[in-house]
Amino acid sequence: MSRLALAFVTLTLPLAAQQYKIAVIGLVHSHVWGHLPRMASNQPAQLVGIAEPNPELVAEAKKLAPQATFYSDYRQMLEQAKPDIVWAFVENNRHLEIVQACAPRKIHVMFEKPLAASYKDALAIERLARQHGIQVMTNYQMAWWPTQYAAHDLASSGALGKVWRLHGIVGHGGPGSSGVRNKYFFQWLTDPVKNGAGALVDFGCYNALWALWYLGRPRSVFAQVNHLQPDRFPKVEDNATIVLTYPDGVALLEGSWDLPRSFQDLEVFGRQGSLYVTRDRVELRKGKDAEQAPVKPLPPERAEPIAYMVNCVRNSQPVEGMVGLPLNVQVVEIMDAAKESIRSGRAVRLAAR
């Protein structure tokens, strides 16, 4: 087939048949190791490059994606591979830098939570996304759990009465530092500049997202932290508690690196009932009676992050909900207010919008 004919066929393919190209920037975030095998399968997007200057991390990535093309300079990769989407697994304080490189090239961007290390950076990312017409997704593990949507639908339906109180607890025994895949992650995750804080940001962002999703933007933010393992985490806090106040509600949020097991649990309280939400179940309680709420599978295009981003780009739809820009800019606003509260010892009232 001639090049002209091939180009014609490509241009006339149905939109759904055209495969989008994705590239990876950075390997210092340990979440990449869980996603890389799927990306290496070239579904639902074609993996066209991985950019990472650290040879130890590149060697690890080659075990999972041996056919991938590797670059030491991500800007060179953007120019040569020309991805449609970039998933950046870099330090939180580099997120704005990545958007500054991708947005003028019309490349859509995915990050691991949180959106940014500071509210100033989050606002700049939002402005760049709007200016250049790109999508920016903030990925949370829980955003792909059907239980999250079953619970939110129940609360929105009025089954609990007016929702007025949330209690979120997210945490585990702390990040590990052994092995190449964890070593470099641990180094920046426990750095107050590169991460933005310690457990406060690492797990507080999940909790803040829940609060925004169910209750909206709070009136004030109060936070306090503990440094229970200074030998292990000398630079950052390992336990954080945040209280968000509303005119007619409250959110009590806990994030910790000091727990005996993993938690990512949410309690939602209304006047007439409550929900207990985990990865696997939604328990509805009214009085002393408890029942398991039905949970439906998510449609394929909403069941995992790349599929959702591709679907949004293909159909010119905004990335919304838990992974969208509007909520995640506010998540970082709450994180900054929490840090100010810790410094001052007082609740911080959010500026009116």
Protein backbone atom coordinates (compact mmCIF):
# COMPACT_ATOMS: atom_id res chain seq x y z
CA MET A 1 0.00 0.00 0.00
CA SER A 2 1.36 3.43 -0.91
CA ARG A 3 2.02 6.03 1.77
CA LEU A 4 -0.77 8.18 0.32
CA ALA A 5 -3.24 5.30 0.48
CA LEU A 6 -2.15 4.42 4.01
CA ALA A 7 -2.61 8.02 5.10
CA PHE A 8 -6.09 8.06 3.54
CA VAL A 9 -7.08 4.86 5.34
CA THR A 10 -5.81 6.29 8.64
CA LEU A 11 -7.73 9.52 8.19
CA THR A 12 -10.95 7.71 7.29
CA LEU A 13 -10.86 5.15 10.10
CA PRO A 14 -13.77 5.44 12.51
CA LEU A 15 -12.78 7.57 15.48
CA ALA A 16 -13.20 4.64 17.85
CA ALA A 17 -10.75 2.55 15.80
CA GLN A 18 -7.88 5.01 16.07
CA GLN A 19 -5.47 4.11 18.85
CA TYR A 20 -4.10 6.87 21.04
CA LYS A 21 -0.44 7.02 22.03
CA ILE A 22 0.68 7.19 25.65
CA ALA A 23 4.10 7.84 27.16
CA VAL A 24 5.50 7.65 30.68
CA ILE A 25 7.53 10.42 32.28
CA GLY A 26 9.45 9.34 35.36
CA LEU A 27 9.71 6.10 37.30
CA VAL A 28 10.32 7.46 40.79
CA HIS A 29 6.70 6.94 41.92
CA SER A 30 6.20 3.34 42.98
CA HIS A 31 2.64 3.24 41.60
CA VAL A 32 4.15 2.99 38.11
CA TRP A 33 5.11 -0.64 38.67
CA GLY A 34 1.47 -1.64 39.03
CA HIS A 35 0.40 0.13 35.83
CA LEU A 36 3.36 -0.55 33.54
CA PRO A 37 2.48 -4.15 32.58
CA ARG A 38 -0.91 -3.03 31.25
CA MET A 39 0.66 -0.13 29.38
CA ALA A 40 3.21 -2.51 27.87
CA SER A 41 0.32 -4.52 26.39
CA ASN A 42 -0.50 -1.44 24.26
CA GLN A 43 -4.12 -1.52 25.38
CA PRO A 44 -6.12 0.64 25.50
CA ALA A 45 -3.38 3.00 24.24
CA GLN A 46 -0.07 2.38 22.47
CA LEU A 47 2.98 2.84 24.71
CA VAL A 48 5.40 4.94 22.64
CA GLY A 49 8.05 5.81 25.18
CA ILE A 50 9.32 5.86 28.76
CA ALA A 51 11.51 8.74 29.93
CA GLU A 52 13.73 8.25 32.99
CA PRO A 53 17.39 9.22 33.53
CA ASN A 54 18.04 6.81 36.42
CA PRO A 55 19.64 3.60 35.02
CA GLU A 56 18.55 1.48 37.99
CA LEU A 57 14.91 2.38 37.45
CA VAL A 58 15.21 1.92 33.69
CA ALA A 59 16.54 -1.60 34.27
CA GLU A 60 13.51 -2.37 36.43
CA ALA A 61 11.12 -0.99 33.82
CA LYS A 62 12.69 -3.09 31.08
CA LYS A 63 11.68 -6.20 33.02
CA LEU A 64 8.03 -5.18 32.67
CA ALA A 65 8.12 -3.41 29.30
CA PRO A 66 11.05 -4.92 27.36
CA GLN A 67 9.78 -3.70 23.99
CA ALA A 68 9.40 -0.07 25.07
CA THR A 69 11.57 2.75 23.75
CA PHE A 70 13.45 4.49 26.54
CA TYR A 71 14.63 8.09 26.73
CA SER A 72 16.79 9.85 29.29
CA ASP A 73 15.24 13.25 28.46
CA TYR A 74 11.45 13.52 28.54
CA ARG A 75 11.39 16.60 26.33
CA GLN A 76 13.21 14.66 23.62
CA MET A 77 10.60 11.92 24.00
CA LEU A 78 7.76 14.41 23.62
CA GLU A 79 9.28 15.71 20.38
CA GLN A 80 10.14 12.34 18.87
CA ALA A 81 7.41 9.98 20.10
CA LYS A 82 4.63 12.59 19.93
CA PRO A 83 2.29 11.01 22.49
CA ASP A 84 -1.33 12.04 22.83
CA ILE A 85 -1.28 11.34 26.57
CA VAL A 86 1.48 11.40 29.18
CA TRP A 87 1.30 9.64 32.53
CA ALA A 88 3.86 11.27 34.82
CA PHE A 89 5.22 9.32 37.78
CA VAL A 90 7.37 12.10 39.19
CA GLU A 91 7.73 14.05 42.42
CA ASN A 92 4.68 16.11 43.38
CA ASN A 93 6.55 19.40 43.11
CA ARG A 94 7.38 18.64 39.45
CA HIS A 95 3.77 18.33 38.28
CA LEU A 96 3.57 21.93 37.08
CA GLU A 97 6.82 21.50 35.15
CA ILE A 98 5.34 18.53 33.29
CA VAL A 99 2.18 20.44 32.36
CA GLN A 100 4.27 23.40 31.21
CA ALA A 101 6.04 21.04 28.80
CA CYS A 102 2.95 19.12 27.66
CA ALA A 103 0.19 21.72 27.44
CA PRO A 104 1.63 23.79 24.53
CA ARG A 105 2.09 20.50 22.64
CA LYS A 106 -1.60 19.63 23.23
CA ILE A 107 -0.60 16.53 25.19
CA HIS A 108 -3.08 15.40 27.85
CA VAL A 109 -1.59 14.63 31.26
CA MET A 110 -2.20 12.10 34.01
CA PHE A 111 -0.70 12.30 37.50
CA GLU A 112 -0.77 10.21 40.63
CA LYS A 113 -2.49 12.04 43.46
CA PRO A 114 -2.28 14.83 44.51
CA LEU A 115 -2.57 17.24 41.60
CA ALA A 116 0.30 19.38 42.90
CA ALA A 117 2.52 20.03 45.90
CA SER A 118 1.06 23.52 46.42
CA TYR A 119 -2.16 25.39 45.73
CA LYS A 120 -0.23 27.94 43.67
CA ASP A 121 0.99 25.15 41.38
CA ALA A 122 -2.49 23.60 41.19
CA LEU A 123 -3.99 26.90 40.02
CA ALA A 124 -1.23 27.29 37.42
CA ILE A 125 -1.91 23.76 36.12
CA GLU A 126 -5.61 24.58 35.86
CA ARG A 127 -4.87 27.78 33.91
CA LEU A 128 -2.55 25.98 31.48
CA ALA A 129 -5.07 23.19 30.90
CA ARG A 130 -7.79 25.70 30.03
CA GLN A 131 -5.48 27.86 27.93
CA HIS A 132 -4.28 24.97 25.77
CA GLY A 133 -7.41 22.81 25.84
CA ILE A 134 -5.87 19.73 27.42
CA GLN A 135 -7.24 17.24 29.93
CA VAL A 136 -5.48 16.76 33.27
CA MET A 137 -6.38 13.72 35.37
CA THR A 138 -5.38 13.08 38.98
CA ASN A 139 -5.38 9.34 39.57
CA TYR A 140 -6.61 7.81 42.82
CA GLN A 141 -6.75 4.07 43.37
CA MET A 142 -10.24 4.37 44.85
CA ALA A 143 -11.61 6.20 41.82
CA TRP A 144 -11.92 2.86 40.00
CA TRP A 145 -13.70 1.00 42.79
CA PRO A 146 -17.41 0.41 42.06
CA THR A 147 -18.17 0.69 45.78
CA GLN A 148 -17.30 4.39 45.71
CA TYR A 149 -20.01 5.14 43.18
CA ALA A 150 -22.59 2.86 44.76
CA ALA A 151 -22.10 4.68 48.07
CA HIS A 152 -22.20 8.15 46.53
CA ASP A 153 -25.35 7.28 44.57
CA LEU A 154 -27.03 6.07 47.76
CA ALA A 155 -26.09 9.22 49.63
CA SER A 156 -27.25 11.42 46.75
CA SER A 157 -30.57 9.57 46.53
CA GLY A 158 -31.59 10.70 50.00
CA ALA A 159 -31.45 7.20 51.47
CA LEU A 160 -29.51 8.53 54.47
CA GLY A 161 -31.37 11.79 54.79
CA LYS A 162 -29.22 14.91 54.67
CA VAL A 163 -25.53 13.96 54.71
CA TRP A 164 -23.79 16.05 57.37
CA ARG A 165 -20.82 14.07 58.70
CA LEU A 166 -17.91 12.16 57.16
CA HIS A 167 -15.20 10.11 58.81
CA GLY A 168 -12.35 9.00 56.57
CA ILE A 169 -9.34 6.93 57.55
CA VAL A 170 -6.58 6.20 55.06
CA GLY A 171 -3.23 4.72 55.94
CA HIS A 172 -0.90 1.80 56.50
CA GLY A 173 2.34 1.03 58.30
CA GLY A 174 4.33 3.54 56.27
CA PRO A 175 6.19 3.52 52.94
CA GLY A 176 8.94 0.98 52.46
CA SER A 177 12.47 1.86 51.39
CA SER A 178 13.96 -1.49 50.43
CA GLY A 179 14.66 -2.43 46.82
CA VAL A 180 15.22 -0.21 43.80
CA ARG A 181 11.52 0.31 43.10
CA ASN A 182 10.88 1.65 46.61
CA LYS A 183 14.19 3.37 47.38
CA TYR A 184 13.78 6.39 45.15
CA PHE A 185 10.08 6.71 45.94
CA PHE A 186 10.82 6.77 49.67
CA GLN A 187 13.47 9.46 49.21
CA TRP A 188 11.07 12.03 47.78
CA LEU A 189 7.89 10.90 49.56
CA THR A 190 9.56 11.73 52.88
CA ASP A 191 10.86 15.09 51.62
CA PRO A 192 8.66 18.04 52.67
CA VAL A 193 9.46 20.00 49.50
CA LYS A 194 9.20 17.27 46.87
CA ASN A 195 6.10 15.66 48.38
CA GLY A 196 4.60 18.75 49.99
CA ALA A 197 4.56 17.14 53.45
CA GLY A 198 4.49 13.56 54.78
CA ALA A 199 1.42 11.50 55.66
CA LEU A 200 -0.62 14.72 55.68
CA VAL A 201 -0.39 15.00 51.90
CA ASP A 202 0.13 11.34 51.05
CA PHE A 203 -3.19 10.29 52.58
CA GLY A 204 -4.89 13.57 53.43
CA CYS A 205 -5.64 14.12 49.76
CA TYR A 206 -7.85 11.01 49.64
CA ASN A 207 -9.81 12.25 52.61
CA ALA A 208 -10.11 15.80 51.30
CA LEU A 209 -11.41 14.44 48.01
CA TRP A 210 -14.13 12.46 49.78
CA ALA A 211 -15.16 15.53 51.77
CA LEU A 212 -15.41 17.69 48.66
CA TRP A 213 -17.34 15.01 46.78
CA TYR A 214 -19.94 14.54 49.50
CA LEU A 215 -20.08 17.87 51.33
CA GLY A 216 -18.51 20.43 49.02
CA ARG A 217 -15.93 23.08 49.81
CA PRO A 218 -15.53 23.55 53.58
CA ARG A 219 -15.72 26.79 55.50
CA SER A 220 -12.58 26.14 57.55
CA VAL A 221 -9.69 23.70 57.94
CA PHE A 222 -8.00 22.63 61.17
CA ALA A 223 -5.14 20.14 61.25
CA GLN A 224 -2.69 18.64 63.70
CA VAL A 225 0.11 16.14 63.14
CA ASN A 226 2.23 13.66 65.07
CA HIS A 227 5.84 12.66 64.56
CA LEU A 228 5.74 9.19 66.07
CA GLN A 229 8.64 7.65 64.14
CA PRO A 230 11.30 10.38 63.87
CA ASP A 231 14.10 7.89 63.28
CA ARG A 232 12.28 6.45 60.28
CA PHE A 233 10.79 9.70 58.97
CA PRO A 234 13.11 12.48 60.22
CA LYS A 235 11.86 15.24 57.91
CA VAL A 236 8.09 14.80 57.86
CA GLU A 237 5.07 13.92 59.99
CA ASP A 238 3.77 10.36 59.94
CA ASN A 239 0.26 10.91 61.31
CA ALA A 240 -2.23 13.66 60.50
CA THR A 241 -5.76 14.58 61.55
CA ILE A 242 -7.82 17.15 59.66
CA VAL A 243 -11.17 18.63 60.66
CA LEU A 244 -13.20 20.38 57.98
CA THR A 245 -16.13 22.48 59.14
CA TYR A 246 -19.26 23.38 57.19
CA PRO A 247 -22.24 25.56 58.09
CA ASP A 248 -24.21 22.38 58.77
CA GLY A 249 -21.66 19.59 58.72
CA VAL A 250 -18.20 18.30 59.56
CA ALA A 251 -15.56 15.96 58.12
CA LEU A 252 -13.13 14.13 60.41
CA LEU A 253 -10.19 12.93 58.37
CA GLU A 254 -7.27 10.73 59.42
CA GLY A 255 -4.15 9.85 57.43
CA SER A 256 -1.35 7.79 58.91
CA TRP A 257 1.86 5.89 58.28
CA ASP A 258 1.57 4.31 61.75
CA LEU A 259 -1.30 1.84 61.38
CA PRO A 260 -1.12 -1.94 61.92
CA ARG A 261 -2.79 -2.63 58.56
CA SER A 262 -4.01 -0.82 55.47
CA PHE A 263 -7.15 1.30 55.63
CA GLN A 264 -8.99 3.22 52.95
CA ASP A 265 -12.34 3.37 54.67
CA LEU A 266 -15.09 5.96 54.70
CA GLU A 267 -18.13 6.47 56.92
CA VAL A 268 -20.93 8.68 55.65
CA PHE A 269 -23.57 9.87 58.11
CA GLY A 270 -27.01 11.27 57.42
CA ARG A 271 -29.95 12.01 59.70
CA GLN A 272 -31.63 8.72 58.85
CA GLY A 273 -28.78 6.31 58.19
CA SER A 274 -25.09 5.76 57.57
CA LEU A 275 -22.73 4.02 55.16
CA TYR A 276 -19.49 2.18 55.79
CA VAL A 277 -17.50 2.03 52.56
CA THR A 278 -14.43 -0.06 51.77
CA ARG A 279 -12.88 -1.30 48.56
CA ASP A 280 -15.13 -4.35 48.52
CA ARG A 281 -18.40 -3.45 50.21
CA VAL A 282 -20.93 -0.79 51.08
CA GLU A 283 -22.76 -1.37 54.35
CA LEU A 284 -25.99 0.56 54.86
CA ARG A 285 -27.15 1.00 58.45
CA LYS A 286 -30.43 2.37 59.74
CA GLY A 287 -30.74 2.06 63.48
CA LYS A 288 -29.46 -1.37 64.51
CA ASP A 289 -30.17 -2.93 61.12
CA ALA A 290 -27.36 -3.37 58.59
CA GLU A 291 -27.42 -4.59 55.01
CA GLN A 292 -24.99 -4.87 52.14
CA ALA A 293 -25.88 -2.38 49.43
CA PRO A 294 -25.81 -3.66 45.84
CA VAL A 295 -22.71 -2.69 43.87
CA LYS A 296 -22.72 -2.69 40.07
CA PRO A 297 -19.56 -3.09 37.97
CA LEU A 298 -18.31 0.06 36.29
CA PRO A 299 -18.52 0.23 32.49
CA PRO A 300 -15.18 -0.59 30.81
CA GLU A 301 -14.44 3.03 29.95
CA ARG A 302 -14.78 3.99 33.64
CA ALA A 303 -13.08 0.97 35.15
CA GLU A 304 -9.43 2.02 34.88
CA PRO A 305 -7.50 5.26 34.37
CA ILE A 306 -6.12 4.92 30.83
CA ALA A 307 -9.43 3.71 29.43
CA TYR A 308 -11.20 6.67 31.02
CA MET A 309 -8.69 9.21 29.74
CA VAL A 310 -8.80 7.75 26.23
CA ASN A 311 -12.60 7.80 26.28
CA CYS A 312 -12.66 11.45 27.37
CA VAL A 313 -10.13 12.51 24.73
CA ARG A 314 -11.82 10.52 21.97
CA ASN A 315 -15.24 11.96 22.74
CA SER A 316 -14.07 15.47 23.65
CA GLN A 317 -15.54 15.08 27.13
CA PRO A 318 -14.04 16.62 30.27
CA VAL A 319 -12.36 14.42 32.85
CA GLU A 320 -14.81 14.67 35.74
CA GLY A 321 -15.60 13.58 39.26
CA MET A 322 -12.95 12.30 41.63
CA VAL A 323 -10.17 12.49 39.03
CA GLY A 324 -11.15 15.82 37.43
CA LEU A 325 -9.47 19.20 37.80
CA PRO A 326 -12.21 21.10 39.68
CA LEU A 327 -12.23 18.85 42.74
CA ASN A 328 -8.49 18.25 42.72
CA VAL A 329 -7.55 21.92 42.67
CA GLN A 330 -9.69 22.25 45.81
CA VAL A 331 -8.01 19.18 47.35
CA VAL A 332 -4.67 20.99 47.15
CA GLU A 333 -6.27 24.16 48.53
CA ILE A 334 -7.33 22.14 51.59
CA MET A 335 -3.84 20.63 51.92
CA ASP A 336 -2.26 24.10 51.91
CA ALA A 337 -4.78 25.32 54.48
CA ALA A 338 -4.02 22.27 56.64
CA LYS A 339 -0.30 23.08 56.55
CA GLU A 340 -1.02 26.68 57.54
CA SER A 341 -3.23 25.42 60.39
CA ILE A 342 -0.39 23.22 61.65
CA ARG A 343 2.01 26.17 61.60
CA SER A 344 -0.38 28.54 63.36
CA GLY A 345 -2.18 26.12 65.66
CA ARG A 346 -5.50 27.60 64.57
CA ALA A 347 -8.28 26.78 62.13
CA VAL A 348 -7.85 28.42 58.73
CA ARG A 349 -10.91 29.93 57.12
CA LEU A 350 -10.99 29.48 53.35
CA ALA A 351 -11.37 32.62 51.28
CA ALA A 352 -14.77 33.13 49.71
CA ARG A 353 -15.08 32.23 46.04
